[in-house]
Each structure stands twice: as structure tokens, then as C-alpha cells.
PDB file of all heavy atoms in Angstrom:
ATOM      1  N   LEU A   1       0.820  -1.218  -0.002  1.00  0.00           N
ATOM      2  CA  LEU A   1      -0.001  -0.001   0.001  1.00  0.00           C
ATOM      3  C   LEU A   1       0.848   1.258   0.000  1.00  0.00           C
ATOM      4  O   LEU A   1       0.383   2.328  -0.402  1.00  0.00           O
ATOM      5  CB  LEU A   1      -0.929   0.009   1.219  1.00  0.00           C
ATOM      6  CG  LEU A   1      -2.151  -0.913   1.176  1.00  0.00           C
ATOM      7  CD1 LEU A   1      -2.821  -0.957   2.544  1.00  0.00           C
ATOM      8  CD2 LEU A   1      -3.132  -0.469   0.110  1.00  0.00           C
ATOM      9  N   TRP A   2       2.102   1.140   0.449  1.00  0.00           N
ATOM     10  CA  TRP A   2       2.963   2.321   0.549  1.00  0.00           C
ATOM     11  C   TRP A   2       3.069   3.061  -0.780  1.00  0.00           C
ATOM     12  O   TRP A   2       3.182   4.282  -0.804  1.00  0.00           O
ATOM     13  CB  TRP A   2       4.361   1.897   1.015  1.00  0.00           C
ATOM     14  CG  TRP A   2       5.335   3.038   1.037  1.00  0.00           C
ATOM     15  CD1 TRP A   2       5.537   3.943   2.036  1.00  0.00           C
ATOM     16  CD2 TRP A   2       6.237   3.405  -0.025  1.00  0.00           C
ATOM     17  NE1 TRP A   2       6.498   4.843   1.669  1.00  0.00           N
ATOM     18  CE2 TRP A   2       6.949   4.545   0.405  1.00  0.00           C
ATOM     19  CE3 TRP A   2       6.506   2.887  -1.280  1.00  0.00           C
ATOM     20  CZ2 TRP A   2       7.919   5.167  -0.364  1.00  0.00           C
ATOM     21  CZ3 TRP A   2       7.469   3.505  -2.062  1.00  0.00           C
ATOM     22  CH2 TRP A   2       8.163   4.627  -1.606  1.00  0.00           C
ATOM     23  N   TYR A   3       3.025   2.327  -1.893  1.00  0.00           N
ATOM     24  CA  TYR A   3       3.171   2.957  -3.200  1.00  0.00           C
ATOM     25  C   TYR A   3       2.055   3.962  -3.487  1.00  0.00           C
ATOM     26  O   TYR A   3       2.185   4.795  -4.396  1.00  0.00           O
ATOM     27  CB  TYR A   3       3.192   1.893  -4.294  1.00  0.00           C
ATOM     28  CG  TYR A   3       4.460   1.082  -4.309  1.00  0.00           C
ATOM     29  CD1 TYR A   3       4.504  -0.190  -3.733  1.00  0.00           C
ATOM     30  CD2 TYR A   3       5.621   1.584  -4.881  1.00  0.00           C
ATOM     31  CE1 TYR A   3       5.666  -0.937  -3.743  1.00  0.00           C
ATOM     32  CE2 TYR A   3       6.795   0.840  -4.889  1.00  0.00           C
ATOM     33  CZ  TYR A   3       6.811  -0.419  -4.316  1.00  0.00           C
ATOM     34  OH  TYR A   3       7.972  -1.150  -4.321  1.00  0.00           O
ATOM     35  N   PHE A   4       0.970   3.897  -2.714  1.00  0.00           N
ATOM     36  CA  PHE A   4      -0.169   4.777  -2.944  1.00  0.00           C
ATOM     37  C   PHE A   4      -0.340   5.801  -1.823  1.00  0.00           C
ATOM     38  O   PHE A   4      -1.346   6.500  -1.781  1.00  0.00           O
ATOM     39  CB  PHE A   4      -1.444   3.933  -3.120  1.00  0.00           C
ATOM     40  CG  PHE A   4      -1.349   2.997  -4.283  1.00  0.00           C
ATOM     41  CD1 PHE A   4      -0.822   1.719  -4.134  1.00  0.00           C
ATOM     42  CD2 PHE A   4      -1.751   3.400  -5.542  1.00  0.00           C
ATOM     43  CE1 PHE A   4      -0.710   0.860  -5.207  1.00  0.00           C
ATOM     44  CE2 PHE A   4      -1.642   2.542  -6.620  1.00  0.00           C
ATOM     45  CZ  PHE A   4      -1.110   1.278  -6.460  1.00  0.00           C
ATOM     46  N   THR A   5       0.627   5.874  -0.939  1.00  0.00           N
ATOM     47  CA  THR A   5       0.656   6.941   0.059  1.00  0.00           C
ATOM     48  C   THR A   5       1.286   8.172  -0.579  1.00  0.00           C
ATOM     49  O   THR A   5       1.854   8.116  -1.683  1.00  0.00           O
ATOM     50  CB  THR A   5       1.473   6.516   1.291  1.00  0.00           C
ATOM     51  OG1 THR A   5       2.843   6.298   0.899  1.00  0.00           O
ATOM     52  CG2 THR A   5       0.916   5.241   1.905  1.00  0.00           C
ATOM     53  N   ASN A   6       1.210   9.312   0.130  1.00  0.00           N
ATOM     54  CA  ASN A   6       1.839  10.529  -0.387  1.00  0.00           C
ATOM     55  C   ASN A   6       3.323  10.320  -0.623  1.00  0.00           C
ATOM     56  O   ASN A   6       3.880  10.755  -1.643  1.00  0.00           O
ATOM     57  CB  ASN A   6       1.622  11.687   0.585  1.00  0.00           C
ATOM     58  CG  ASN A   6       0.194  12.189   0.560  1.00  0.00           C
ATOM     59  OD1 ASN A   6      -0.562  11.917  -0.371  1.00  0.00           O
ATOM     60  ND2 ASN A   6      -0.202  12.919   1.597  1.00  0.00           N
ATOM     61  N   ALA A   7       3.980   9.636   0.316  1.00  0.00           N
ATOM     62  CA  ALA A   7       5.416   9.398   0.184  1.00  0.00           C
ATOM     63  C   ALA A   7       5.721   8.516  -1.026  1.00  0.00           C
ATOM     64  O   ALA A   7       6.671   8.776  -1.776  1.00  0.00           O
ATOM     65  CB  ALA A   7       5.959   8.751   1.463  1.00  0.00           C
ATOM     66  N   GLY A   8       4.919   7.482  -1.213  1.00  0.00           N
ATOM     67  CA  GLY A   8       5.149   6.586  -2.340  1.00  0.00           C
ATOM     68  C   GLY A   8       4.924   7.257  -3.680  1.00  0.00           C
ATOM     69  O   GLY A   8       5.696   7.068  -4.632  1.00  0.00           O
ATOM     70  N   LEU A   9       3.873   8.076  -3.780  1.00  0.00           N
ATOM     71  CA  LEU A   9       3.592   8.783  -5.021  1.00  0.00           C
ATOM     72  C   LEU A   9       4.642   9.851  -5.288  1.00  0.00           C
ATOM     73  O   LEU A   9       5.018  10.090  -6.438  1.00  0.00           O
ATOM     74  CB  LEU A   9       2.199   9.423  -4.951  1.00  0.00           C
ATOM     75  CG  LEU A   9       1.024   8.441  -4.874  1.00  0.00           C
ATOM     76  CD1 LEU A   9      -0.282   9.192  -4.711  1.00  0.00           C
ATOM     77  CD2 LEU A   9       0.969   7.545  -6.111  1.00  0.00           C
ATOM     78  N   GLU A  10       5.126  10.483  -4.231  1.00  0.00           N
ATOM     79  CA  GLU A  10       6.171  11.502  -4.386  1.00  0.00           C
ATOM     80  C   GLU A  10       7.466  10.854  -4.863  1.00  0.00           C
ATOM     81  O   GLU A  10       8.174  11.390  -5.712  1.00  0.00           O
ATOM     82  CB  GLU A  10       6.396  12.217  -3.059  1.00  0.00           C
ATOM     83  CG  GLU A  10       7.329  13.420  -3.151  1.00  0.00           C
ATOM     84  CD  GLU A  10       6.766  14.534  -4.005  1.00  0.00           C
ATOM     85  OE1 GLU A  10       5.521  14.619  -4.138  1.00  0.00           O
ATOM     86  OE2 GLU A  10       7.563  15.312  -4.561  1.00  0.00           O
ATOM     87  N   GLU A  11       7.760   9.663  -4.325  1.00  0.00           N
ATOM     88  CA  GLU A  11       8.969   8.942  -4.737  1.00  0.00           C
ATOM     89  C   GLU A  11       8.888   8.563  -6.203  1.00  0.00           C
ATOM     90  O   GLU A  11       9.867   8.648  -6.941  1.00  0.00           O
ATOM     91  CB  GLU A  11       9.138   7.694  -3.868  1.00  0.00           C
ATOM     92  CG  GLU A  11      10.542   7.096  -3.902  1.00  0.00           C
ATOM     93  CD  GLU A  11      10.693   6.051  -4.993  1.00  0.00           C
ATOM     94  OE1 GLU A  11       9.668   5.589  -5.524  1.00  0.00           O
ATOM     95  OE2 GLU A  11      11.850   5.714  -5.306  1.00  0.00           O
ATOM     96  N   ALA A  12       7.691   8.144  -6.643  1.00  0.00           N
ATOM     97  CA  ALA A  12       7.502   7.778  -8.047  1.00  0.00           C
ATOM     98  C   ALA A  12       7.626   8.990  -8.960  1.00  0.00           C
ATOM     99  O   ALA A  12       8.115   8.897 -10.088  1.00  0.00           O
ATOM    100  CB  ALA A  12       6.143   7.120  -8.237  1.00  0.00           C
ATOM    101  N   LYS A  13       7.197  10.155  -8.458  1.00  0.00           N
ATOM    102  CA  LYS A  13       7.225  11.378  -9.264  1.00  0.00           C
ATOM    103  C   LYS A  13       8.632  11.952  -9.397  1.00  0.00           C
ATOM    104  O   LYS A  13       9.004  12.487 -10.451  1.00  0.00           O
ATOM    105  CB  LYS A  13       6.290  12.414  -8.641  1.00  0.00           C
ATOM    106  CG  LYS A  13       6.179  13.702  -9.445  1.00  0.00           C
ATOM    107  CD  LYS A  13       5.071  14.575  -8.916  1.00  0.00           C
ATOM    108  CE  LYS A  13       5.317  14.997  -7.476  1.00  0.00           C
ATOM    109  NZ  LYS A  13       4.262  15.915  -6.986  1.00  0.00           N
ATOM    110  N   THR A  14       9.420  11.850  -8.351  1.00  0.00           N
ATOM    111  CA  THR A  14      10.754  12.444  -8.353  1.00  0.00           C
ATOM    112  C   THR A  14      11.837  11.488  -8.819  1.00  0.00           C
ATOM    113  O   THR A  14      12.967  11.895  -9.080  1.00  0.00           O
ATOM    114  CB  THR A  14      11.129  12.936  -6.934  1.00  0.00           C
ATOM    115  OG1 THR A  14      11.067  11.815  -6.021  1.00  0.00           O
ATOM    116  CG2 THR A  14      10.152  13.996  -6.472  1.00  0.00           C
ATOM    117  N   LYS A  15      11.488  10.195  -8.925  1.00  0.00           N
ATOM    118  CA  LYS A  15      12.478   9.205  -9.343  1.00  0.00           C
ATOM    119  C   LYS A  15      12.895   9.463 -10.778  1.00  0.00           C
ATOM    120  O   LYS A  15      12.091   9.838 -11.620  1.00  0.00           O
ATOM    121  CB  LYS A  15      11.881   7.801  -9.218  1.00  0.00           C
ATOM    122  CG  LYS A  15      12.876   6.688  -9.493  1.00  0.00           C
ATOM    123  CD  LYS A  15      12.205   5.341  -9.284  1.00  0.00           C
ATOM    124  CE  LYS A  15      13.174   4.202  -9.562  1.00  0.00           C
ATOM    125  NZ  LYS A  15      12.532   2.885  -9.359  1.00  0.00           N
ATOM    126  N   THR A  16      14.168   9.258 -11.052  1.00  0.00           N
ATOM    127  CA  THR A  16      14.678   9.435 -12.400  1.00  0.00           C
ATOM    128  C   THR A  16      13.948   8.513 -13.365  1.00  0.00           C
ATOM    129  O   THR A  16      13.808   7.332 -13.123  1.00  0.00           O
ATOM    130  CB  THR A  16      16.185   9.128 -12.451  1.00  0.00           C
ATOM    131  OG1 THR A  16      16.857   9.960 -11.513  1.00  0.00           O
ATOM    132  CG2 THR A  16      16.747   9.365 -13.845  1.00  0.00           C
ATOM    133  N   THR A  17      13.479   9.070 -14.453  1.00  0.00           N
ATOM    134  CA  THR A  17      12.704   8.295 -15.419  1.00  0.00           C
ATOM    135  C   THR A  17      13.579   7.270 -16.129  1.00  0.00           C
ATOM    136  O   THR A  17      14.626   7.600 -16.666  1.00  0.00           O
ATOM    137  CB  THR A  17      12.072   9.229 -16.467  1.00  0.00           C
ATOM    138  OG1 THR A  17      11.245  10.177 -15.796  1.00  0.00           O
ATOM    139  CG2 THR A  17      11.240   8.430 -17.458  1.00  0.00           C
ATOM    140  N   ILE A  18      13.128   6.010 -16.098  1.00  0.00           N
ATOM    141  CA  ILE A  18      13.819   4.913 -16.772  1.00  0.00           C
ATOM    142  C   ILE A  18      12.788   4.130 -17.559  1.00  0.00           C
ATOM    143  O   ILE A  18      11.683   3.905 -17.093  1.00  0.00           O
ATOM    144  CB  ILE A  18      14.515   3.980 -15.752  1.00  0.00           C
ATOM    145  CG1 ILE A  18      15.526   4.758 -14.919  1.00  0.00           C
ATOM    146  CG2 ILE A  18      15.196   2.824 -16.474  1.00  0.00           C
ATOM    147  CD1 ILE A  18      16.203   3.909 -13.860  1.00  0.00           C
ATOM    148  N   GLU A  19      13.137   3.735 -18.765  1.00  0.00           N
ATOM    149  CA  GLU A  19      12.222   2.923 -19.560  1.00  0.00           C
ATOM    150  C   GLU A  19      11.892   1.637 -18.819  1.00  0.00           C
ATOM    151  O   GLU A  19      12.770   0.984 -18.258  1.00  0.00           O
ATOM    152  CB  GLU A  19      12.866   2.584 -20.910  1.00  0.00           C
ATOM    153  CG  GLU A  19      12.891   3.741 -21.888  1.00  0.00           C
ATOM    154  CD  GLU A  19      11.508   4.104 -22.392  1.00  0.00           C
ATOM    155  OE1 GLU A  19      10.646   3.212 -22.396  1.00  0.00           O
ATOM    156  OE2 GLU A  19      11.312   5.262 -22.772  1.00  0.00           O
ATOM    157  N   ASP A  20      10.607   1.253 -18.829  1.00  0.00           N
ATOM    158  CA  ASP A  20      10.189   0.048 -18.115  1.00  0.00           C
ATOM    159  C   ASP A  20      10.916  -1.188 -18.619  1.00  0.00           C
ATOM    160  O   ASP A  20      11.188  -2.119 -17.858  1.00  0.00           O
ATOM    161  CB  ASP A  20       8.670  -0.153 -18.274  1.00  0.00           C
ATOM    162  CG  ASP A  20       7.883   0.882 -17.470  1.00  0.00           C
ATOM    163  OD1 ASP A  20       8.519   1.585 -16.663  1.00  0.00           O
ATOM    164  OD2 ASP A  20       6.669   0.968 -17.653  1.00  0.00           O
ATOM    165  N   ASP A  21      11.224  -1.223 -19.918  1.00  0.00           N
ATOM    166  CA  ASP A  21      11.880  -2.396 -20.483  1.00  0.00           C
ATOM    167  C   ASP A  21      13.391  -2.369 -20.321  1.00  0.00           C
ATOM    168  O   ASP A  21      14.069  -3.323 -20.693  1.00  0.00           O
ATOM    169  CB  ASP A  21      11.536  -2.524 -21.975  1.00  0.00           C
ATOM    170  CG  ASP A  21      10.050  -2.805 -22.188  1.00  0.00           C
ATOM    171  OD1 ASP A  21       9.435  -3.375 -21.268  1.00  0.00           O
ATOM    172  OD2 ASP A  21       9.524  -2.463 -23.257  1.00  0.00           O
ATOM    173  N   ALA A  22      13.929  -1.270 -19.790  1.00  0.00           N
ATOM    174  CA  ALA A  22      15.377  -1.186 -19.596  1.00  0.00           C
ATOM    175  C   ALA A  22      15.813  -2.189 -18.541  1.00  0.00           C
ATOM    176  O   ALA A  22      15.099  -2.457 -17.575  1.00  0.00           O
ATOM    177  CB  ALA A  22      15.768   0.233 -19.189  1.00  0.00           C
ATOM    178  N   MET A  23      17.002  -2.747 -18.711  1.00  0.00           N
ATOM    179  CA  MET A  23      17.533  -3.738 -17.779  1.00  0.00           C
ATOM    180  C   MET A  23      18.463  -3.057 -16.788  1.00  0.00           C
ATOM    181  O   MET A  23      19.332  -2.262 -17.175  1.00  0.00           O
ATOM    182  CB  MET A  23      18.281  -4.837 -18.540  1.00  0.00           C
ATOM    183  CG  MET A  23      17.431  -5.544 -19.585  1.00  0.00           C
ATOM    184  SD  MET A  23      15.958  -6.343 -18.892  1.00  0.00           S
ATOM    185  CE  MET A  23      16.730  -7.695 -17.995  1.00  0.00           C
ATOM    186  N   ILE A  24      18.256  -3.343 -15.506  1.00  0.00           N
ATOM    187  CA  ILE A  24      19.095  -2.778 -14.462  1.00  0.00           C
ATOM    188  C   ILE A  24      19.579  -3.905 -13.556  1.00  0.00           C
ATOM    189  O   ILE A  24      18.973  -4.974 -13.492  1.00  0.00           O
ATOM    190  CB  ILE A  24      18.336  -1.723 -13.629  1.00  0.00           C
ATOM    191  CG1 ILE A  24      17.127  -2.363 -12.927  1.00  0.00           C
ATOM    192  CG2 ILE A  24      17.900  -0.557 -14.489  1.00  0.00           C
ATOM    193  CD1 ILE A  24      16.408  -1.415 -11.986  1.00  0.00           C
ATOM    194  N   MET A  25      20.710  -3.668 -12.856  1.00  0.00           N
ATOM    195  CA  MET A  25      21.227  -4.652 -11.929  1.00  0.00           C
ATOM    196  C   MET A  25      20.455  -4.580 -10.625  1.00  0.00           C
ATOM    197  O   MET A  25      20.269  -3.510 -10.059  1.00  0.00           O
ATOM    198  CB  MET A  25      22.718  -4.402 -11.672  1.00  0.00           C
ATOM    199  CG  MET A  25      23.378  -5.466 -10.803  1.00  0.00           C
ATOM    200  SD  MET A  25      23.428  -7.089 -11.608  1.00  0.00           S
ATOM    201  CE  MET A  25      24.692  -6.786 -12.853  1.00  0.00           C
ATOM    202  N   SER A  26      19.956  -5.731 -10.157  1.00  0.00           N
ATOM    203  CA  SER A  26      19.151  -5.776  -8.934  1.00  0.00           C
ATOM    204  C   SER A  26      19.670  -6.875  -8.023  1.00  0.00           C
ATOM    205  O   SER A  26      20.176  -7.903  -8.477  1.00  0.00           O
ATOM    206  CB  SER A  26      17.681  -6.030  -9.279  1.00  0.00           C
ATOM    207  OG  SER A  26      16.882  -6.131  -8.109  1.00  0.00           O
ATOM    208  N   THR A  27      19.562  -6.629  -6.719  1.00  0.00           N
ATOM    209  CA  THR A  27      19.958  -7.619  -5.715  1.00  0.00           C
ATOM    210  C   THR A  27      18.780  -8.512  -5.395  1.00  0.00           C
ATOM    211  O   THR A  27      17.715  -8.036  -5.010  1.00  0.00           O
ATOM    212  CB  THR A  27      20.465  -6.934  -4.436  1.00  0.00           C
ATOM    213  OG1 THR A  27      21.571  -6.085  -4.765  1.00  0.00           O
ATOM    214  CG2 THR A  27      20.915  -7.984  -3.417  1.00  0.00           C
ATOM    215  N   LEU A  28      18.951  -9.827  -5.532  1.00  0.00           N
ATOM    216  CA  LEU A  28      17.885 -10.789  -5.277  1.00  0.00           C
ATOM    217  C   LEU A  28      17.796 -11.105  -3.792  1.00  0.00           C
ATOM    218  O   LEU A  28      18.711 -10.781  -3.021  1.00  0.00           O
ATOM    219  CB  LEU A  28      18.141 -12.064  -6.077  1.00  0.00           C
ATOM    220  CG  LEU A  28      18.267 -11.876  -7.598  1.00  0.00           C
ATOM    221  CD1 LEU A  28      18.562 -13.208  -8.277  1.00  0.00           C
ATOM    222  CD2 LEU A  28      17.021 -11.246  -8.164  1.00  0.00           C
ATOM    223  N   PRO A  29      16.680 -11.715  -3.338  1.00  0.00           N
ATOM    224  CA  PRO A  29      16.503 -12.029  -1.913  1.00  0.00           C
ATOM    225  C   PRO A  29      17.636 -12.858  -1.323  1.00  0.00           C
ATOM    226  O   PRO A  29      17.942 -12.747  -0.137  1.00  0.00           O
ATOM    227  CB  PRO A  29      15.175 -12.796  -1.885  1.00  0.00           C
ATOM    228  CG  PRO A  29      14.434 -12.290  -3.075  1.00  0.00           C
ATOM    229  CD  PRO A  29      15.473 -12.029  -4.114  1.00  0.00           C
ATOM    230  N   ASP A  30      18.291 -13.717  -2.143  1.00  0.00           N
ATOM    231  CA  ASP A  30      19.362 -14.558  -1.616  1.00  0.00           C
ATOM    232  C   ASP A  30      20.718 -13.850  -1.591  1.00  0.00           C
ATOM    233  O   ASP A  30      21.737 -14.463  -1.268  1.00  0.00           O
ATOM    234  CB  ASP A  30      19.471 -15.849  -2.424  1.00  0.00           C
ATOM    235  CG  ASP A  30      19.784 -15.578  -3.903  1.00  0.00           C
ATOM    236  OD1 ASP A  30      19.910 -14.392  -4.273  1.00  0.00           O
ATOM    237  OD2 ASP A  30      19.904 -16.547  -4.667  1.00  0.00           O
ATOM    238  N   GLY A  31      20.722 -12.565  -1.956  1.00  0.00           N
ATOM    239  CA  GLY A  31      21.957 -11.798  -1.920  1.00  0.00           C
ATOM    240  C   GLY A  31      22.677 -11.722  -3.241  1.00  0.00           C
ATOM    241  O   GLY A  31      23.582 -10.898  -3.409  1.00  0.00           O
ATOM    242  N   SER A  32      22.299 -12.562  -4.212  1.00  0.00           N
ATOM    243  CA  SER A  32      22.933 -12.528  -5.519  1.00  0.00           C
ATOM    244  C   SER A  32      22.376 -11.367  -6.344  1.00  0.00           C
ATOM    245  O   SER A  32      21.376 -10.750  -5.976  1.00  0.00           O
ATOM    246  CB  SER A  32      22.708 -13.854  -6.248  1.00  0.00           C
ATOM    247  OG  SER A  32      21.319 -14.074  -6.456  1.00  0.00           O
ATOM    248  N   THR A  33      23.032 -11.083  -7.444  1.00  0.00           N
ATOM    249  CA  THR A  33      22.595  -9.994  -8.308  1.00  0.00           C
ATOM    250  C   THR A  33      22.238 -10.526  -9.688  1.00  0.00           C
ATOM    251  O   THR A  33      22.745 -11.566 -10.111  1.00  0.00           O
ATOM    252  CB  THR A  33      23.691  -8.917  -8.442  1.00  0.00           C
ATOM    253  OG1 THR A  33      24.879  -9.534  -8.966  1.00  0.00           O
ATOM    254  CG2 THR A  33      23.976  -8.272  -7.105  1.00  0.00           C
TER     255      THR A  33
END
């Protein structure tokens, strides 16, 4: 639900725009990337 709070919407608005299909490096739950 946080994504729909004022803080979550503000974070989405101020976040640097990246194409949805762009690939980025992410850390998985097991610690791997």
C-alpha cells in the first residue's frame, strides 16, 4: 500500500525516469545480483 501513500507517489514522481523495459542490476533475496 505504501506505493499509494503521499510518500510513495512522491517517490515515483521524483524518481529518475527509466524505460520500463530497460535492464538494471538488482539484488535478489538470496543476496545474488
